[in-house]
Amino acid sequence: MIYTPRAFFLYYCIFALLINFIPFVSVPFLYLTTIFHELSHGIAAILTGGQIEEFALQLNGAGHLVSLGGSQFVITFSGYFGAPLWGALLFQSAERVNIAKFTFGLLIAMFVVTLLLWVSSLVTASILLLVGLLLVALLKLAKQKIFNHIVRFIAVVVLFNAIYSPLYLLFSNSGDSFSLEQQTLIPALVWVLIWLGWGLFVLYRLYPKKTGNT
């Protein structure tokens, strides 16, 4: 077995592809990706002068965020655009254990704030608590050598989910792409392709450019 950064990256990708075929195991990763998607909407709302009204998740992995004010274009576009960036942030944080720990702590804090301010559903609260507790549990492994590989693997799974998710819009007559079509008159398919290309670009940029040992 080859132990180089490039080889490990390919291993992460292979397992990320396979994990979607493993019942139950893939669910927390799906929830995490959806949380990142909805948080991206929320951050865009706040940054453009709006406010978050409701943050909601569903057991099937779907979610929605209700906002008031702000730039509707930026808010709508940011969900599928932001999710790959969260994956990239996680992946890069694994370079150093302290940075990864800080990133996990930041995410947990964001989950708590979201839970306290914008969640009114028991299902949403349960999912946020589940994912948050899993992150806390992973922090217990921070002193182990395998920790950075776990963080990178999670990041790649999030990225793959973020790449897949816009494709589901091709089989739907609603969603962010259709909302952008109504706002800009640019066909929904174009927005799907933009998000797909962006996710693949982020994945490519994370591919190690140098060989060597981890």
C-alpha atoms as a PDB file:
ATOM      1  CA  MET A   1       0.000   0.000   0.000  1.00  0.00           C
ATOM      2  CA  ILE A   2       1.331   3.447  -0.945  1.00  0.00           C
ATOM      3  CA  TYR A   3       1.616   6.052   1.828  1.00  0.00           C
ATOM      4  CA  THR A   4       1.969   9.441   0.166  1.00  0.00           C
ATOM      5  CA  PRO A   5      -0.305  12.511   0.349  1.00  0.00           C
ATOM      6  CA  ARG A   6      -1.537  11.851  -3.193  1.00  0.00           C
ATOM      7  CA  ALA A   7      -2.248   8.212  -2.447  1.00  0.00           C
ATOM      8  CA  PHE A   8      -4.119   9.059   0.748  1.00  0.00           C
ATOM      9  CA  PHE A   9      -6.185  11.647  -1.122  1.00  0.00           C
ATOM     10  CA  LEU A  10      -7.226   8.977  -3.614  1.00  0.00           C
ATOM     11  CA  TYR A  11      -8.068   6.624  -0.730  1.00  0.00           C
ATOM     12  CA  TYR A  12     -10.283   9.327   0.793  1.00  0.00           C
ATOM     13  CA  CYS A  13     -12.043   9.770  -2.558  1.00  0.00           C
ATOM     14  CA  ILE A  14     -12.598   6.038  -3.027  1.00  0.00           C
ATOM     15  CA  PHE A  15     -14.075   5.627   0.446  1.00  0.00           C
ATOM     16  CA  ALA A  16     -16.153   8.783  -0.040  1.00  0.00           C
ATOM     17  CA  LEU A  17     -17.677   7.181  -3.126  1.00  0.00           C
ATOM     18  CA  LEU A  18     -18.333   3.900  -1.343  1.00  0.00           C
ATOM     19  CA  ILE A  19     -19.752   5.303   1.868  1.00  0.00           C
ATOM     20  CA  ASN A  20     -22.999   6.364   0.183  1.00  0.00           C
ATOM     21  CA  PHE A  21     -23.761   2.678  -0.309  1.00  0.00           C
ATOM     22  CA  ILE A  22     -23.428   1.895   3.406  1.00  0.00           C
ATOM     23  CA  PRO A  23     -26.785   2.279   5.202  1.00  0.00           C
ATOM     24  CA  PHE A  24     -26.835   4.567   8.240  1.00  0.00           C
ATOM     25  CA  VAL A  25     -23.073   5.274   8.127  1.00  0.00           C
ATOM     26  CA  SER A  26     -23.546   7.859   5.366  1.00  0.00           C
ATOM     27  CA  VAL A  27     -26.344   9.706   7.194  1.00  0.00           C
ATOM     28  CA  PRO A  28     -24.235  11.914   9.536  1.00  0.00           C
ATOM     29  CA  PHE A  29     -22.127  13.030   6.556  1.00  0.00           C
ATOM     30  CA  LEU A  30     -25.272  13.942   4.653  1.00  0.00           C
ATOM     31  CA  TYR A  31     -26.539  15.939   7.634  1.00  0.00           C
ATOM     32  CA  LEU A  32     -23.204  17.740   7.960  1.00  0.00           C
ATOM     33  CA  THR A  33     -23.248  18.717   4.275  1.00  0.00           C
ATOM     34  CA  THR A  34     -26.807  20.011   4.573  1.00  0.00           C
ATOM     35  CA  ILE A  35     -25.875  22.003   7.675  1.00  0.00           C
ATOM     36  CA  PHE A  36     -22.988  23.597   5.770  1.00  0.00           C
ATOM     37  CA  HIS A  37     -25.323  24.362   2.866  1.00  0.00           C
ATOM     38  CA  GLU A  38     -27.894  26.066   5.067  1.00  0.00           C
ATOM     39  CA  LEU A  39     -25.265  27.885   7.139  1.00  0.00           C
ATOM     40  CA  SER A  40     -23.874  29.280   3.885  1.00  0.00           C
ATOM     41  CA  HIS A  41     -27.317  30.699   3.092  1.00  0.00           C
ATOM     42  CA  GLY A  42     -27.486  32.147   6.588  1.00  0.00           C
ATOM     43  CA  ILE A  43     -24.046  33.747   6.534  1.00  0.00           C
ATOM     44  CA  ALA A  44     -24.831  35.270   3.130  1.00  0.00           C
ATOM     45  CA  ALA A  45     -28.053  36.696   4.540  1.00  0.00           C
ATOM     46  CA  ILE A  46     -26.270  38.310   7.478  1.00  0.00           C
ATOM     47  CA  LEU A  47     -23.385  39.636   5.350  1.00  0.00           C
ATOM     48  CA  THR A  48     -25.796  41.292   2.913  1.00  0.00           C
ATOM     49  CA  GLY A  49     -27.802  43.026   5.631  1.00  0.00           C
ATOM     50  CA  GLY A  50     -30.516  40.433   6.173  1.00  0.00           C
ATOM     51  CA  GLN A  51     -31.381  38.226   9.099  1.00  0.00           C
ATOM     52  CA  ILE A  52     -32.103  34.566   9.688  1.00  0.00           C
ATOM     53  CA  GLU A  53     -35.676  33.698  10.618  1.00  0.00           C
ATOM     54  CA  GLU A  54     -35.579  29.892  10.722  1.00  0.00           C
ATOM     55  CA  PHE A  55     -33.062  27.061  10.306  1.00  0.00           C
ATOM     56  CA  ALA A  56     -34.576  23.646   9.657  1.00  0.00           C
ATOM     57  CA  LEU A  57     -33.353  20.129   8.836  1.00  0.00           C
ATOM     58  CA  GLN A  58     -35.273  16.983   7.935  1.00  0.00           C
ATOM     59  CA  LEU A  59     -34.586  13.334   8.680  1.00  0.00           C
ATOM     60  CA  ASN A  60     -34.094  12.575   4.976  1.00  0.00           C
ATOM     61  CA  GLY A  61     -31.163  14.997   4.820  1.00  0.00           C
ATOM     62  CA  ALA A  62     -33.016  17.932   3.283  1.00  0.00           C
ATOM     63  CA  GLY A  63     -33.129  21.349   4.879  1.00  0.00           C
ATOM     64  CA  HIS A  64     -34.163  24.937   4.434  1.00  0.00           C
ATOM     65  CA  LEU A  65     -33.335  28.361   5.789  1.00  0.00           C
ATOM     66  CA  VAL A  66     -35.789  31.240   5.954  1.00  0.00           C
ATOM     67  CA  SER A  67     -34.243  34.705   5.866  1.00  0.00           C
ATOM     68  CA  LEU A  68     -35.557  38.244   5.794  1.00  0.00           C
ATOM     69  CA  GLY A  69     -33.906  41.029   3.807  1.00  0.00           C
ATOM     70  CA  GLY A  70     -30.443  40.952   2.308  1.00  0.00           C
ATOM     71  CA  SER A  71     -29.507  40.131  -1.280  1.00  0.00           C
ATOM     72  CA  GLN A  72     -31.750  37.316  -2.458  1.00  0.00           C
ATOM     73  CA  PHE A  73     -29.373  36.488  -5.301  1.00  0.00           C
ATOM     74  CA  VAL A  74     -26.342  36.143  -3.025  1.00  0.00           C
ATOM     75  CA  ILE A  75     -28.316  34.224  -0.418  1.00  0.00           C
ATOM     76  CA  THR A  76     -29.741  31.773  -2.951  1.00  0.00           C
ATOM     77  CA  PHE A  77     -26.440  31.255  -4.745  1.00  0.00           C
ATOM     78  CA  SER A  78     -24.405  30.757  -1.569  1.00  0.00           C
ATOM     79  CA  GLY A  79     -25.822  27.404  -0.446  1.00  0.00           C
ATOM     80  CA  TYR A  80     -24.328  25.177  -3.122  1.00  0.00           C
ATOM     81  CA  PHE A  81     -21.354  27.516  -3.496  1.00  0.00           C
ATOM     82  CA  GLY A  82     -20.519  27.515   0.195  1.00  0.00           C
ATOM     83  CA  ALA A  83     -20.734  23.804   1.010  1.00  0.00           C
ATOM     84  CA  PRO A  84     -17.542  22.893  -0.924  1.00  0.00           C
ATOM     85  CA  LEU A  85     -15.726  25.728   0.856  1.00  0.00           C
ATOM     86  CA  TRP A  86     -16.618  24.234   4.227  1.00  0.00           C
ATOM     87  CA  GLY A  87     -15.194  20.928   3.024  1.00  0.00           C
ATOM     88  CA  ALA A  88     -12.009  22.675   1.898  1.00  0.00           C
ATOM     89  CA  LEU A  89     -11.744  24.455   5.261  1.00  0.00           C
ATOM     90  CA  LEU A  90     -11.973  21.143   7.097  1.00  0.00           C
ATOM     91  CA  PHE A  91      -9.415  19.526   4.812  1.00  0.00           C
ATOM     92  CA  GLN A  92      -6.889  22.343   5.181  1.00  0.00           C
ATOM     93  CA  SER A  93      -7.379  22.500   8.942  1.00  0.00           C
ATOM     94  CA  ALA A  94      -6.011  18.968   9.217  1.00  0.00           C
ATOM     95  CA  GLU A  95      -2.521  20.288   8.412  1.00  0.00           C
ATOM     96  CA  ARG A  96      -2.128  21.023  12.125  1.00  0.00           C
ATOM     97  CA  VAL A  97      -3.914  19.422  15.043  1.00  0.00           C
ATOM     98  CA  ASN A  98      -4.441  22.737  16.849  1.00  0.00           C
ATOM     99  CA  ILE A  99      -6.053  24.283  13.767  1.00  0.00           C
ATOM    100  CA  ALA A 100      -8.313  21.239  13.324  1.00  0.00           C
ATOM    101  CA  LYS A 101      -9.319  21.405  16.992  1.00  0.00           C
ATOM    102  CA  PHE A 102     -10.080  25.117  16.659  1.00  0.00           C
ATOM    103  CA  THR A 103     -12.125  24.485  13.502  1.00  0.00           C
ATOM    104  CA  PHE A 104     -14.137  21.749  15.209  1.00  0.00           C
ATOM    105  CA  GLY A 105     -14.679  24.021  18.199  1.00  0.00           C
ATOM    106  CA  LEU A 106     -15.849  26.832  15.920  1.00  0.00           C
ATOM    107  CA  LEU A 107     -18.305  24.516  14.183  1.00  0.00           C
ATOM    108  CA  ILE A 108     -19.677  23.239  17.485  1.00  0.00           C
ATOM    109  CA  ALA A 109     -20.098  26.833  18.690  1.00  0.00           C
ATOM    110  CA  MET A 110     -21.944  27.723  15.469  1.00  0.00           C
ATOM    111  CA  PHE A 111     -24.239  24.736  15.947  1.00  0.00           C
ATOM    112  CA  VAL A 112     -25.031  25.868  19.497  1.00  0.00           C
ATOM    113  CA  VAL A 113     -25.771  29.445  18.401  1.00  0.00           C
ATOM    114  CA  THR A 114     -27.948  28.162  15.553  1.00  0.00           C
ATOM    115  CA  LEU A 115     -29.794  25.850  17.935  1.00  0.00           C
ATOM    116  CA  LEU A 116     -30.473  28.615  20.429  1.00  0.00           C
ATOM    117  CA  LEU A 117     -31.464  31.362  17.996  1.00  0.00           C
ATOM    118  CA  TRP A 118     -33.093  29.886  14.910  1.00  0.00           C
ATOM    119  CA  VAL A 119     -34.284  26.328  15.569  1.00  0.00           C
ATOM    120  CA  SER A 120     -37.869  25.614  16.565  1.00  0.00           C
ATOM    121  CA  SER A 121     -38.141  21.997  15.388  1.00  0.00           C
ATOM    122  CA  LEU A 122     -37.344  18.997  17.576  1.00  0.00           C
ATOM    123  CA  VAL A 123     -36.081  17.104  14.523  1.00  0.00           C
ATOM    124  CA  THR A 124     -33.682  19.904  13.611  1.00  0.00           C
ATOM    125  CA  ALA A 125     -32.472  20.215  17.192  1.00  0.00           C
ATOM    126  CA  SER A 126     -31.877  16.455  17.380  1.00  0.00           C
ATOM    127  CA  ILE A 127     -29.868  16.401  14.146  1.00  0.00           C
ATOM    128  CA  LEU A 128     -27.732  19.373  15.211  1.00  0.00           C
ATOM    129  CA  LEU A 129     -27.091  17.737  18.575  1.00  0.00           C
ATOM    130  CA  LEU A 130     -26.203  14.415  16.928  1.00  0.00           C
ATOM    131  CA  VAL A 131     -23.687  15.947  14.531  1.00  0.00           C
ATOM    132  CA  GLY A 132     -22.296  18.225  17.236  1.00  0.00           C
ATOM    133  CA  LEU A 133     -21.782  15.306  19.631  1.00  0.00           C
ATOM    134  CA  LEU A 134     -20.017  13.332  16.891  1.00  0.00           C
ATOM    135  CA  LEU A 135     -17.616  16.246  16.403  1.00  0.00           C
ATOM    136  CA  VAL A 136     -17.016  16.374  20.146  1.00  0.00           C
ATOM    137  CA  ALA A 137     -16.307  12.643  20.143  1.00  0.00           C
ATOM    138  CA  LEU A 138     -13.816  13.062  17.300  1.00  0.00           C
ATOM    139  CA  LEU A 139     -11.980  15.711  19.300  1.00  0.00           C
ATOM    140  CA  LYS A 140     -11.147  12.951  21.783  1.00  0.00           C
ATOM    141  CA  LEU A 141      -8.929  11.481  19.072  1.00  0.00           C
ATOM    142  CA  ALA A 142      -7.032  14.738  18.500  1.00  0.00           C
ATOM    143  CA  LYS A 143      -3.835  13.353  20.038  1.00  0.00           C
ATOM    144  CA  GLN A 144      -3.922  10.277  17.830  1.00  0.00           C
ATOM    145  CA  LYS A 145      -1.989  10.159  14.562  1.00  0.00           C
ATOM    146  CA  ILE A 146      -5.087   9.006  12.704  1.00  0.00           C
ATOM    147  CA  PHE A 147      -6.964  12.202  13.615  1.00  0.00           C
ATOM    148  CA  ASN A 148      -5.758  14.218  10.624  1.00  0.00           C
ATOM    149  CA  HIS A 149      -6.790  11.404   8.271  1.00  0.00           C
ATOM    150  CA  ILE A 150     -10.265  11.277   9.830  1.00  0.00           C
ATOM    151  CA  VAL A 151     -10.683  15.034   9.411  1.00  0.00           C
ATOM    152  CA  ARG A 152      -9.541  14.910   5.782  1.00  0.00           C
ATOM    153  CA  PHE A 153     -11.800  11.967   5.056  1.00  0.00           C
ATOM    154  CA  ILE A 154     -14.815  13.803   6.510  1.00  0.00           C
ATOM    155  CA  ALA A 155     -13.872  16.846   4.415  1.00  0.00           C
ATOM    156  CA  VAL A 156     -13.706  14.819   1.197  1.00  0.00           C
ATOM    157  CA  VAL A 157     -17.052  13.134   1.910  1.00  0.00           C
ATOM    158  CA  VAL A 158     -18.590  16.575   2.453  1.00  0.00           C
ATOM    159  CA  LEU A 159     -17.069  17.702  -0.837  1.00  0.00           C
ATOM    160  CA  PHE A 160     -18.430  14.711  -2.725  1.00  0.00           C
ATOM    161  CA  ASN A 161     -21.880  15.277  -1.220  1.00  0.00           C
ATOM    162  CA  ALA A 162     -21.638  18.955  -2.169  1.00  0.00           C
ATOM    163  CA  ILE A 163     -20.779  17.942  -5.736  1.00  0.00           C
ATOM    164  CA  TYR A 164     -23.655  15.453  -5.947  1.00  0.00           C
ATOM    165  CA  SER A 165     -26.341  17.627  -4.404  1.00  0.00           C
ATOM    166  CA  PRO A 166     -26.858  20.170  -7.236  1.00  0.00           C
ATOM    167  CA  LEU A 167     -27.440  17.253  -9.614  1.00  0.00           C
ATOM    168  CA  TYR A 168     -30.680  16.391  -7.803  1.00  0.00           C
ATOM    169  CA  LEU A 169     -32.048  19.735  -9.007  1.00  0.00           C
ATOM    170  CA  LEU A 170     -32.032  18.301 -12.540  1.00  0.00           C
ATOM    171  CA  PHE A 171     -34.955  16.090 -11.520  1.00  0.00           C
ATOM    172  CA  SER A 172     -36.920  18.751  -9.668  1.00  0.00           C
ATOM    173  CA  ASN A 173     -39.019  21.733 -10.612  1.00  0.00           C
ATOM    174  CA  SER A 174     -38.023  23.681  -7.517  1.00  0.00           C
ATOM    175  CA  GLY A 175     -34.922  24.572  -5.556  1.00  0.00           C
ATOM    176  CA  ASP A 176     -32.160  27.169  -5.612  1.00  0.00           C
ATOM    177  CA  SER A 177     -31.430  26.833  -9.324  1.00  0.00           C
ATOM    178  CA  PHE A 178     -35.050  27.558 -10.254  1.00  0.00           C
ATOM    179  CA  SER A 179     -35.162  30.469  -7.832  1.00  0.00           C
ATOM    180  CA  LEU A 180     -32.064  31.925  -9.520  1.00  0.00           C
ATOM    181  CA  GLU A 181     -33.645  31.347 -12.917  1.00  0.00           C
ATOM    182  CA  GLN A 182     -36.621  33.449 -11.820  1.00  0.00           C
ATOM    183  CA  GLN A 183     -34.323  36.169 -10.487  1.00  0.00           C
ATOM    184  CA  THR A 184     -31.899  36.344 -13.433  1.00  0.00           C
ATOM    185  CA  LEU A 185     -33.642  34.621 -16.396  1.00  0.00           C
ATOM    186  CA  ILE A 186     -30.529  32.423 -16.688  1.00  0.00           C
ATOM    187  CA  PRO A 187     -31.680  28.784 -17.087  1.00  0.00           C
ATOM    188  CA  ALA A 188     -31.628  26.597 -13.981  1.00  0.00           C
ATOM    189  CA  LEU A 189     -29.330  24.120 -15.757  1.00  0.00           C
ATOM    190  CA  VAL A 190     -26.618  26.774 -16.002  1.00  0.00           C
ATOM    191  CA  TRP A 191     -26.609  27.296 -12.238  1.00  0.00           C
ATOM    192  CA  VAL A 192     -26.419  23.548 -11.643  1.00  0.00           C
ATOM    193  CA  LEU A 193     -23.413  23.325 -13.959  1.00  0.00           C
ATOM    194  CA  ILE A 194     -21.750  26.289 -12.233  1.00  0.00           C
ATOM    195  CA  TRP A 195     -22.114  24.665  -8.813  1.00  0.00           C
ATOM    196  CA  LEU A 196     -20.986  21.301 -10.159  1.00  0.00           C
ATOM    197  CA  GLY A 197     -17.919  22.842 -11.786  1.00  0.00           C
ATOM    198  CA  TRP A 198     -17.122  24.812  -8.641  1.00  0.00           C
ATOM    199  CA  GLY A 199     -17.261  21.688  -6.463  1.00  0.00           C
ATOM    200  CA  LEU A 200     -14.987  19.774  -8.842  1.00  0.00           C
ATOM    201  CA  PHE A 201     -12.584  22.720  -8.958  1.00  0.00           C
ATOM    202  CA  VAL A 202     -12.338  22.842  -5.158  1.00  0.00           C
ATOM    203  CA  LEU A 203     -11.733  19.086  -5.063  1.00  0.00           C
ATOM    204  CA  TYR A 204      -8.999  19.441  -7.687  1.00  0.00           C
ATOM    205  CA  ARG A 205      -7.341  22.288  -5.762  1.00  0.00           C
ATOM    206  CA  LEU A 206      -7.125  20.085  -2.671  1.00  0.00           C
ATOM    207  CA  TYR A 207      -5.309  17.345  -4.554  1.00  0.00           C
ATOM    208  CA  PRO A 208      -1.700  17.358  -3.250  1.00  0.00           C
ATOM    209  CA  LYS A 209       0.654  18.801  -5.830  1.00  0.00           C
ATOM    210  CA  LYS A 210       3.770  17.366  -4.196  1.00  0.00           C
ATOM    211  CA  THR A 211       4.670  13.786  -3.447  1.00  0.00           C
ATOM    212  CA  GLY A 212       6.198  12.704  -0.179  1.00  0.00           C
ATOM    213  CA  ASN A 213       5.281  11.124   3.110  1.00  0.00           C
ATOM    214  CA  THR A 214       2.379  12.324   5.288  1.00  0.00           C
END
